[in-house]
Amino acid sequence: YNLLGSQLSKFVKNISIISIKKVCEYLVDKLVPYFFGNNPRKDEYIRTYLHVACMYDRIASNEALIEPSWGETLKRERKADFNFLVELFEEVNGFISIKVPKGELYYFLNSLPDRK
């Protein structure tokens, strides 16, 4: 995480680097094992970390992704995964006071594999 954290300023422009680094590390530690199993590859950590950082930066910039037309279908098809994300992102509100909207959650879930 040190290398990624040291380069966050290249991806994040509107949030405290210290805050987003803490959020990214917390979320990645929960997300990667859940979605990628016991032997995740380095690229799975990196992609997840950067996606989370950029997502929060978009939200802080009032440029959050809107809900896609397929979002509710994805939510139904992957109900357990979606609920896991909702609960997990609610947990980090104590670290950073940015609520992740459904549109961002739909795109994020769509970028993750079905749980292994």
Protein backbone atom coordinates (compact mmCIF):
# COMPACT_ATOMS: atom_id res chain seq x y z
CA TYR A 1 0.00 0.00 0.00
CA ASN A 2 2.89 2.38 0.56
CA LEU A 3 3.66 2.83 -3.13
CA LEU A 4 0.00 3.33 -4.07
CA GLY A 5 -0.57 5.68 -1.15
CA SER A 6 2.42 7.79 -2.10
CA GLN A 7 0.98 8.29 -5.60
CA LEU A 8 -2.62 9.01 -4.70
CA SER A 9 -2.21 12.71 -5.48
CA LYS A 10 -1.98 11.72 -9.17
CA PHE A 11 -5.54 10.33 -8.98
CA VAL A 12 -7.20 12.26 -6.16
CA LYS A 13 -7.50 16.04 -6.32
CA ASN A 14 -10.43 16.92 -4.07
CA ILE A 15 -9.99 14.85 -0.89
CA SER A 16 -7.35 14.74 1.80
CA ILE A 17 -4.77 12.14 0.79
CA ILE A 18 -4.46 11.01 4.41
CA SER A 19 -8.22 10.38 4.64
CA ILE A 20 -8.61 8.60 1.32
CA LYS A 21 -5.51 6.47 1.94
CA LYS A 22 -7.03 5.21 5.20
CA VAL A 23 -10.37 4.52 3.47
CA CYS A 24 -8.74 2.72 0.53
CA GLU A 25 -6.65 0.47 2.74
CA TYR A 26 -9.61 -0.42 4.95
CA LEU A 27 -11.90 -1.17 2.00
CA VAL A 28 -9.34 -3.09 -0.03
CA ASP A 29 -8.56 -5.30 2.98
CA LYS A 30 -12.27 -6.26 3.07
CA LEU A 31 -13.12 -6.24 -0.65
CA VAL A 32 -10.25 -8.22 -2.13
CA PRO A 33 -10.67 -11.39 -0.05
CA TYR A 34 -14.45 -11.26 -0.45
CA PHE A 35 -14.45 -10.92 -4.24
CA PHE A 36 -11.13 -12.44 -5.28
CA GLY A 37 -10.73 -15.29 -2.79
CA ASN A 38 -7.76 -16.45 -0.76
CA ASN A 39 -5.03 -15.98 -3.38
CA PRO A 40 -5.61 -12.59 -4.99
CA ARG A 41 -3.20 -11.24 -7.56
CA LYS A 42 -1.41 -7.91 -7.12
CA ASP A 43 -3.38 -6.35 -9.96
CA GLU A 44 -6.63 -7.11 -8.13
CA TYR A 45 -5.41 -5.13 -5.14
CA ILE A 46 -4.21 -2.26 -7.33
CA ARG A 47 -7.38 -2.05 -9.45
CA THR A 48 -9.61 -2.12 -6.39
CA TYR A 49 -7.53 0.50 -4.54
CA LEU A 50 -7.46 2.91 -7.47
CA HIS A 51 -11.13 2.41 -8.30
CA VAL A 52 -12.10 3.26 -4.71
CA ALA A 53 -9.85 6.35 -4.65
CA CYS A 54 -11.15 7.67 -7.97
CA MET A 55 -14.75 6.92 -7.02
CA TYR A 56 -14.51 8.99 -3.83
CA ASP A 57 -12.78 11.79 -5.71
CA ARG A 58 -15.59 11.87 -8.31
CA ILE A 59 -18.19 12.03 -5.55
CA ALA A 60 -16.32 14.82 -3.73
CA SER A 61 -16.19 16.72 -7.03
CA ASN A 62 -19.96 16.37 -7.53
CA GLU A 63 -19.28 14.23 -10.58
CA ALA A 64 -20.58 10.88 -9.32
CA LEU A 65 -21.66 8.38 -11.93
CA ILE A 66 -25.41 8.30 -12.46
CA GLU A 67 -27.45 5.16 -11.99
CA PRO A 68 -27.25 3.01 -15.13
CA SER A 69 -30.39 1.47 -16.63
CA TRP A 70 -29.08 -2.00 -15.71
CA GLY A 71 -28.34 -1.10 -12.08
CA GLU A 72 -31.48 -2.53 -10.47
CA THR A 73 -31.10 -5.76 -12.46
CA LEU A 74 -27.51 -6.12 -11.27
CA LYS A 75 -28.66 -5.42 -7.71
CA ARG A 76 -31.26 -8.23 -7.93
CA GLU A 77 -28.88 -10.70 -9.60
CA ARG A 78 -26.07 -10.05 -7.11
CA LYS A 79 -28.11 -9.16 -4.05
CA ALA A 80 -25.65 -10.54 -1.48
CA ASP A 81 -22.69 -8.80 -3.13
CA PHE A 82 -24.60 -5.51 -3.40
CA ASN A 83 -25.69 -5.66 0.25
CA PHE A 84 -22.09 -6.43 1.27
CA LEU A 85 -20.93 -3.27 -0.55
CA VAL A 86 -23.66 -1.11 0.97
CA GLU A 87 -22.79 -2.24 4.50
CA LEU A 88 -19.05 -1.92 3.92
CA PHE A 89 -19.26 1.59 2.49
CA GLU A 90 -21.52 2.64 5.37
CA GLU A 91 -18.80 1.47 7.78
CA VAL A 92 -16.26 3.88 6.32
CA ASN A 93 -18.48 6.91 6.88
CA GLY A 94 -16.64 7.16 10.21
CA PHE A 95 -13.37 7.72 8.31
CA ILE A 96 -14.71 9.99 5.60
CA SER A 97 -18.06 11.73 5.44
CA ILE A 98 -18.82 11.01 1.81
CA LYS A 99 -21.84 8.86 1.02
CA VAL A 100 -21.43 6.62 -2.02
CA PRO A 101 -24.54 6.84 -4.24
CA LYS A 102 -26.18 3.83 -5.87
CA GLY A 103 -24.87 4.69 -9.33
CA GLU A 104 -21.28 4.42 -8.13
CA LEU A 105 -22.06 1.20 -6.26
CA TYR A 106 -23.59 -0.34 -9.40
CA TYR A 107 -20.57 0.47 -11.55
CA PHE A 108 -18.18 -0.67 -8.84
CA LEU A 109 -20.01 -3.98 -8.35
CA ASN A 110 -20.09 -4.49 -12.11
CA SER A 111 -16.28 -4.18 -12.17
CA LEU A 112 -15.91 -6.93 -9.55
CA PRO A 113 -16.23 -10.66 -10.18
CA ASP A 114 -18.97 -12.81 -8.72
CA ARG A 115 -17.85 -13.87 -5.28
CA LYS A 116 -15.44 -16.82 -5.30
